[in-house]
PDB file of all heavy atoms in Angstrom:
ATOM      1  N   ALA A   1      49.569  60.435 204.272  1.00  0.00           N
ATOM      2  CA  ALA A   1      49.616  60.440 202.811  1.00  0.00           C
ATOM      3  C   ALA A   1      50.326  59.209 202.305  1.00  0.00           C
ATOM      4  O   ALA A   1      49.926  58.625 201.322  1.00  0.00           O
ATOM      5  CB  ALA A   1      50.387  61.720 202.302  1.00  0.00           C
ATOM      6  N   PHE A   2      51.401  58.787 202.955  1.00  0.00           N
ATOM      7  CA  PHE A   2      52.209  57.614 202.543  1.00  0.00           C
ATOM      8  C   PHE A   2      51.310  56.364 202.738  1.00  0.00           C
ATOM      9  O   PHE A   2      51.301  55.454 201.827  1.00  0.00           O
ATOM     10  CB  PHE A   2      53.452  57.462 203.295  1.00  0.00           C
ATOM     11  CG  PHE A   2      54.630  58.149 202.664  1.00  0.00           C
ATOM     12  CD1 PHE A   2      55.288  59.128 203.320  1.00  0.00           C
ATOM     13  CD2 PHE A   2      55.040  57.776 201.443  1.00  0.00           C
ATOM     14  CE1 PHE A   2      56.411  59.753 202.743  1.00  0.00           C
ATOM     15  CE2 PHE A   2      56.143  58.361 200.809  1.00  0.00           C
ATOM     16  CZ  PHE A   2      56.789  59.343 201.475  1.00  0.00           C
ATOM     17  N   LYS A   3      50.519  56.314 203.824  1.00  0.00           N
ATOM     18  CA  LYS A   3      49.704  55.149 204.045  1.00  0.00           C
ATOM     19  C   LYS A   3      48.674  55.020 202.909  1.00  0.00           C
ATOM     20  O   LYS A   3      48.392  53.980 202.380  1.00  0.00           O
ATOM     21  CB  LYS A   3      48.945  55.308 205.363  1.00  0.00           C
ATOM     22  CG  LYS A   3      48.037  54.128 205.708  1.00  0.00           C
ATOM     23  CD  LYS A   3      47.401  54.319 207.072  1.00  0.00           C
ATOM     24  CE  LYS A   3      46.437  53.140 207.378  1.00  0.00           C
ATOM     25  NZ  LYS A   3      45.719  53.368 208.693  1.00  0.00           N
ATOM     26  N   ARG A   4      48.071  56.160 202.528  1.00  0.00           N
ATOM     27  CA  ARG A   4      47.094  56.112 201.433  1.00  0.00           C
ATOM     28  C   ARG A   4      47.716  55.650 200.079  1.00  0.00           C
ATOM     29  O   ARG A   4      47.193  54.873 199.392  1.00  0.00           O
ATOM     30  CB  ARG A   4      46.423  57.498 201.274  1.00  0.00           C
ATOM     31  CG  ARG A   4      45.486  57.553 200.101  1.00  0.00           C
ATOM     32  CD  ARG A   4      44.841  58.937 199.980  1.00  0.00           C
ATOM     33  NE  ARG A   4      44.042  59.042 198.708  1.00  0.00           N
ATOM     34  CZ  ARG A   4      44.598  59.452 197.622  1.00  0.00           C
ATOM     35  NH1 ARG A   4      45.889  59.885 197.545  1.00  0.00           N
ATOM     36  NH2 ARG A   4      43.908  59.456 196.512  1.00  0.00           N
ATOM     37  N   ARG A   5      48.898  56.170 199.845  1.00  0.00           N
ATOM     38  CA  ARG A   5      49.546  55.866 198.554  1.00  0.00           C
ATOM     39  C   ARG A   5      50.082  54.460 198.516  1.00  0.00           C
ATOM     40  O   ARG A   5      50.229  53.891 197.442  1.00  0.00           O
ATOM     41  CB  ARG A   5      50.717  56.806 198.257  1.00  0.00           C
ATOM     42  CG  ARG A   5      50.267  58.278 198.260  1.00  0.00           C
ATOM     43  CD  ARG A   5      51.243  59.185 197.528  1.00  0.00           C
ATOM     44  NE  ARG A   5      50.794  60.593 197.542  1.00  0.00           N
ATOM     45  CZ  ARG A   5      49.883  61.033 196.764  1.00  0.00           C
ATOM     46  NH1 ARG A   5      49.193  60.212 195.923  1.00  0.00           N
ATOM     47  NH2 ARG A   5      49.576  62.368 196.815  1.00  0.00           N
ATOM     48  N   LEU A   6      50.257  53.837 199.628  1.00  0.00           N
ATOM     49  CA  LEU A   6      50.805  52.485 199.710  1.00  0.00           C
ATOM     50  C   LEU A   6      49.632  51.396 199.808  1.00  0.00           C
ATOM     51  O   LEU A   6      49.852  50.251 199.428  1.00  0.00           O
ATOM     52  CB  LEU A   6      51.687  52.321 200.897  1.00  0.00           C
ATOM     53  CG  LEU A   6      53.060  53.047 200.847  1.00  0.00           C
ATOM     54  CD1 LEU A   6      53.811  52.887 202.142  1.00  0.00           C
ATOM     55  CD2 LEU A   6      53.889  52.603 199.648  1.00  0.00           C
ATOM     56  N   TYR A   7      48.472  51.814 200.346  1.00  0.00           N
ATOM     57  CA  TYR A   7      47.452  50.840 200.607  1.00  0.00           C
ATOM     58  C   TYR A   7      46.125  51.069 199.853  1.00  0.00           C
ATOM     59  O   TYR A   7      45.276  50.158 199.725  1.00  0.00           O
ATOM     60  CB  TYR A   7      47.173  50.673 202.031  1.00  0.00           C
ATOM     61  CG  TYR A   7      48.334  50.150 202.828  1.00  0.00           C
ATOM     62  CD1 TYR A   7      49.162  51.034 203.569  1.00  0.00           C
ATOM     63  CD2 TYR A   7      48.748  48.835 202.808  1.00  0.00           C
ATOM     64  CE1 TYR A   7      50.303  50.582 204.282  1.00  0.00           C
ATOM     65  CE2 TYR A   7      49.872  48.369 203.502  1.00  0.00           C
ATOM     66  CZ  TYR A   7      50.620  49.272 204.244  1.00  0.00           C
ATOM     67  OH  TYR A   7      51.687  48.790 204.928  1.00  0.00           O
ATOM     68  N   ASP A   8      45.842  52.360 199.482  1.00  0.00           N
ATOM     69  CA  ASP A   8      44.532  52.620 198.871  1.00  0.00           C
ATOM     70  C   ASP A   8      44.533  52.149 197.426  1.00  0.00           C
ATOM     71  O   ASP A   8      45.382  52.524 196.610  1.00  0.00           O
ATOM     72  CB  ASP A   8      44.330  54.115 198.834  1.00  0.00           C
ATOM     73  CG  ASP A   8      42.921  54.560 198.305  1.00  0.00           C
ATOM     74  OD1 ASP A   8      41.975  54.438 199.091  1.00  0.00           O
ATOM     75  OD2 ASP A   8      42.857  54.802 197.114  1.00  0.00           O
ATOM     76  N   PRO A   9      43.613  51.256 197.025  1.00  0.00           N
ATOM     77  CA  PRO A   9      43.543  50.697 195.678  1.00  0.00           C
ATOM     78  C   PRO A   9      43.383  51.751 194.603  1.00  0.00           C
ATOM     79  O   PRO A   9      43.984  51.633 193.571  1.00  0.00           O
ATOM     80  CB  PRO A   9      42.307  49.751 195.740  1.00  0.00           C
ATOM     81  CG  PRO A   9      42.129  49.446 197.168  1.00  0.00           C
ATOM     82  CD  PRO A   9      42.514  50.666 197.900  1.00  0.00           C
ATOM     83  N   GLY A  10      42.555  52.811 194.877  1.00  0.00           N
ATOM     84  CA  GLY A  10      42.353  53.872 193.937  1.00  0.00           C
ATOM     85  C   GLY A  10      43.660  54.634 193.690  1.00  0.00           C
ATOM     86  O   GLY A  10      43.981  54.953 192.506  1.00  0.00           O
ATOM     87  N   ALA A  11      44.379  54.910 194.761  1.00  0.00           N
ATOM     88  CA  ALA A  11      45.641  55.663 194.575  1.00  0.00           C
ATOM     89  C   ALA A  11      46.731  54.846 193.877  1.00  0.00           C
ATOM     90  O   ALA A  11      47.484  55.344 193.073  1.00  0.00           O
ATOM     91  CB  ALA A  11      46.152  56.066 195.959  1.00  0.00           C
ATOM     92  N   LEU A  12      46.714  53.564 194.177  1.00  0.00           N
ATOM     93  CA  LEU A  12      47.776  52.614 193.621  1.00  0.00           C
ATOM     94  C   LEU A  12      47.649  52.579 192.086  1.00  0.00           C
ATOM     95  O   LEU A  12      48.582  52.384 191.409  1.00  0.00           O
ATOM     96  CB  LEU A  12      47.632  51.287 194.264  1.00  0.00           C
ATOM     97  CG  LEU A  12      48.149  51.099 195.668  1.00  0.00           C
ATOM     98  CD1 LEU A  12      47.740  49.747 196.234  1.00  0.00           C
ATOM     99  CD2 LEU A  12      49.603  51.246 195.769  1.00  0.00           C
ATOM    100  N   THR A  13      46.442  52.730 191.590  1.00  0.00           N
ATOM    101  CA  THR A  13      46.261  52.535 190.075  1.00  0.00           C
ATOM    102  C   THR A  13      46.732  53.706 189.301  1.00  0.00           C
ATOM    103  O   THR A  13      47.004  53.586 188.152  1.00  0.00           O
ATOM    104  CB  THR A  13      44.799  52.209 189.773  1.00  0.00           C
ATOM    105  OG1 THR A  13      43.951  53.262 190.321  1.00  0.00           O
ATOM    106  CG2 THR A  13      44.353  50.910 190.457  1.00  0.00           C
ATOM    107  N   VAL A  14      46.721  54.897 189.945  1.00  0.00           N
ATOM    108  CA  VAL A  14      47.024  56.123 189.133  1.00  0.00           C
ATOM    109  C   VAL A  14      48.285  56.861 189.515  1.00  0.00           C
ATOM    110  O   VAL A  14      48.731  57.730 188.815  1.00  0.00           O
ATOM    111  CB  VAL A  14      45.823  57.147 189.202  1.00  0.00           C
ATOM    112  CG1 VAL A  14      44.511  56.441 188.600  1.00  0.00           C
ATOM    113  CG2 VAL A  14      45.541  57.548 190.644  1.00  0.00           C
ATOM    114  N   GLN A  15      48.840  56.553 190.666  1.00  0.00           N
ATOM    115  CA  GLN A  15      49.974  57.354 191.185  1.00  0.00           C
ATOM    116  C   GLN A  15      51.234  57.090 190.407  1.00  0.00           C
ATOM    117  O   GLN A  15      51.397  56.006 189.882  1.00  0.00           O
ATOM    118  CB  GLN A  15      50.174  57.073 192.676  1.00  0.00           C
ATOM    119  CG  GLN A  15      50.646  55.666 193.021  1.00  0.00           C
ATOM    120  CD  GLN A  15      50.565  55.423 194.511  1.00  0.00           C
ATOM    121  OE1 GLN A  15      50.069  56.212 195.278  1.00  0.00           O
ATOM    122  NE2 GLN A  15      51.005  54.233 194.906  1.00  0.00           N
ATOM    123  N   GLN A  16      52.163  58.058 190.367  1.00  0.00           N
ATOM    124  CA  GLN A  16      53.408  58.014 189.757  1.00  0.00           C
ATOM    125  C   GLN A  16      54.468  58.465 190.766  1.00  0.00           C
ATOM    126  O   GLN A  16      54.231  59.343 191.553  1.00  0.00           O
ATOM    127  CB  GLN A  16      53.466  58.870 188.451  1.00  0.00           C
ATOM    128  CG  GLN A  16      52.417  58.432 187.444  1.00  0.00           C
ATOM    129  CD  GLN A  16      52.402  59.514 186.291  1.00  0.00           C
ATOM    130  OE1 GLN A  16      52.759  60.622 186.419  1.00  0.00           O
ATOM    131  NE2 GLN A  16      51.979  59.004 185.092  1.00  0.00           N
ATOM    132  N   PHE A  17      55.645  57.927 190.572  1.00  0.00           N
ATOM    133  CA  PHE A  17      56.714  58.269 191.514  1.00  0.00           C
ATOM    134  C   PHE A  17      57.069  59.718 191.480  1.00  0.00           C
ATOM    135  O   PHE A  17      57.158  60.383 192.457  1.00  0.00           O
ATOM    136  CB  PHE A  17      57.984  57.379 191.188  1.00  0.00           C
ATOM    137  CG  PHE A  17      59.144  57.761 192.085  1.00  0.00           C
ATOM    138  CD1 PHE A  17      59.241  57.244 193.353  1.00  0.00           C
ATOM    139  CD2 PHE A  17      60.146  58.616 191.645  1.00  0.00           C
ATOM    140  CE1 PHE A  17      60.371  57.658 194.172  1.00  0.00           C
ATOM    141  CE2 PHE A  17      61.208  58.989 192.422  1.00  0.00           C
ATOM    142  CZ  PHE A  17      61.299  58.495 193.732  1.00  0.00           C
ATOM    143  N   ALA A  18      57.301  60.269 190.256  1.00  0.00           N
ATOM    144  CA  ALA A  18      57.703  61.631 190.050  1.00  0.00           C
ATOM    145  C   ALA A  18      56.676  62.605 190.591  1.00  0.00           C
ATOM    146  O   ALA A  18      57.010  63.664 191.142  1.00  0.00           O
ATOM    147  CB  ALA A  18      58.019  61.931 188.597  1.00  0.00           C
ATOM    148  N   ASN A  19      55.376  62.289 190.453  1.00  0.00           N
ATOM    149  CA  ASN A  19      54.334  63.218 190.736  1.00  0.00           C
ATOM    150  C   ASN A  19      53.812  62.994 192.176  1.00  0.00           C
ATOM    151  O   ASN A  19      53.312  64.026 192.803  1.00  0.00           O
ATOM    152  CB  ASN A  19      53.191  63.137 189.790  1.00  0.00           C
ATOM    153  CG  ASN A  19      52.211  64.257 189.854  1.00  0.00           C
ATOM    154  OD1 ASN A  19      52.588  65.432 189.874  1.00  0.00           O
ATOM    155  ND2 ASN A  19      50.921  63.870 190.079  1.00  0.00           N
ATOM    156  N   ASP A  20      53.866  61.809 192.728  1.00  0.00           N
ATOM    157  CA  ASP A  20      53.221  61.527 193.975  1.00  0.00           C
ATOM    158  C   ASP A  20      54.148  61.238 195.134  1.00  0.00           C
ATOM    159  O   ASP A  20      53.903  61.615 196.302  1.00  0.00           O
ATOM    160  CB  ASP A  20      52.234  60.403 193.847  1.00  0.00           C
ATOM    161  CG  ASP A  20      51.100  60.703 192.857  1.00  0.00           C
ATOM    162  OD1 ASP A  20      50.253  61.504 193.149  1.00  0.00           O
ATOM    163  OD2 ASP A  20      51.082  60.142 191.739  1.00  0.00           O
ATOM    164  N   PHE A  21      55.313  60.526 194.852  1.00  0.00           N
ATOM    165  CA  PHE A  21      56.160  60.226 195.891  1.00  0.00           C
ATOM    166  C   PHE A  21      57.388  61.144 196.024  1.00  0.00           C
ATOM    167  O   PHE A  21      57.787  61.470 197.135  1.00  0.00           O
ATOM    168  CB  PHE A  21      56.727  58.690 195.622  1.00  0.00           C
ATOM    169  CG  PHE A  21      55.771  57.670 196.048  1.00  0.00           C
ATOM    170  CD1 PHE A  21      54.950  57.043 195.093  1.00  0.00           C
ATOM    171  CD2 PHE A  21      55.644  57.326 197.380  1.00  0.00           C
ATOM    172  CE1 PHE A  21      54.051  56.007 195.448  1.00  0.00           C
ATOM    173  CE2 PHE A  21      54.759  56.326 197.775  1.00  0.00           C
ATOM    174  CZ  PHE A  21      53.945  55.721 196.786  1.00  0.00           C
ATOM    175  N   PHE A  22      57.934  61.633 194.953  1.00  0.00           N
ATOM    176  CA  PHE A  22      59.103  62.454 194.994  1.00  0.00           C
ATOM    177  C   PHE A  22      58.865  63.772 195.794  1.00  0.00           C
ATOM    178  O   PHE A  22      59.703  64.113 196.624  1.00  0.00           O
ATOM    179  CB  PHE A  22      59.581  62.801 193.564  1.00  0.00           C
ATOM    180  CG  PHE A  22      60.884  63.571 193.554  1.00  0.00           C
ATOM    181  CD1 PHE A  22      62.005  62.960 194.065  1.00  0.00           C
ATOM    182  CD2 PHE A  22      60.999  64.876 193.003  1.00  0.00           C
ATOM    183  CE1 PHE A  22      63.222  63.647 194.039  1.00  0.00           C
ATOM    184  CE2 PHE A  22      62.131  65.505 192.996  1.00  0.00           C
ATOM    185  CZ  PHE A  22      63.294  64.954 193.526  1.00  0.00           C
ATOM    186  N   PRO A  23      57.757  64.474 195.640  1.00  0.00           N
ATOM    187  CA  PRO A  23      57.522  65.625 196.470  1.00  0.00           C
ATOM    188  C   PRO A  23      57.505  65.331 197.952  1.00  0.00           C
ATOM    189  O   PRO A  23      57.967  66.134 198.753  1.00  0.00           O
ATOM    190  CB  PRO A  23      56.127  66.180 195.944  1.00  0.00           C
ATOM    191  CG  PRO A  23      55.969  65.610 194.618  1.00  0.00           C
ATOM    192  CD  PRO A  23      56.654  64.288 194.637  1.00  0.00           C
ATOM    193  N   LEU A  24      56.874  64.209 198.316  1.00  0.00           N
ATOM    194  CA  LEU A  24      56.858  63.862 199.732  1.00  0.00           C
ATOM    195  C   LEU A  24      58.155  63.458 200.253  1.00  0.00           C
ATOM    196  O   LEU A  24      58.542  63.827 201.404  1.00  0.00           O
ATOM    197  CB  LEU A  24      55.896  62.597 199.897  1.00  0.00           C
ATOM    198  CG  LEU A  24      54.387  62.889 199.641  1.00  0.00           C
ATOM    199  CD1 LEU A  24      53.624  61.636 199.778  1.00  0.00           C
ATOM    200  CD2 LEU A  24      53.868  63.945 200.580  1.00  0.00           C
ATOM    201  N   ILE A  25      58.983  62.850 199.389  1.00  0.00           N
ATOM    202  CA  ILE A  25      60.371  62.544 199.810  1.00  0.00           C
ATOM    203  C   ILE A  25      61.173  63.820 200.081  1.00  0.00           C
ATOM    204  O   ILE A  25      62.004  63.893 201.003  1.00  0.00           O
ATOM    205  CB  ILE A  25      61.074  61.649 198.744  1.00  0.00           C
ATOM    206  CG1 ILE A  25      60.393  60.249 198.701  1.00  0.00           C
ATOM    207  CG2 ILE A  25      62.566  61.493 199.005  1.00  0.00           C
ATOM    208  CD1 ILE A  25      60.834  59.346 197.583  1.00  0.00           C
ATOM    209  N   LEU A  26      61.025  64.807 199.204  1.00  0.00           N
ATOM    210  CA  LEU A  26      61.643  66.088 199.390  1.00  0.00           C
ATOM    211  C   LEU A  26      61.241  66.736 200.714  1.00  0.00           C
ATOM    212  O   LEU A  26      62.159  67.180 201.499  1.00  0.00           O
ATOM    213  CB  LEU A  26      61.367  67.025 198.222  1.00  0.00           C
ATOM    214  CG  LEU A  26      62.046  66.728 196.911  1.00  0.00           C
ATOM    215  CD1 LEU A  26      61.611  67.728 195.798  1.00  0.00           C
ATOM    216  CD2 LEU A  26      63.568  66.763 197.020  1.00  0.00           C
TER     217      LEU A  26
END
């Protein structure tokens, strides 16, 4: 999931820290 959020162009354009990264960090 982290790999996709860091390198996928489609994910990079729409992702948000609170909605996409914070749950994974928890």
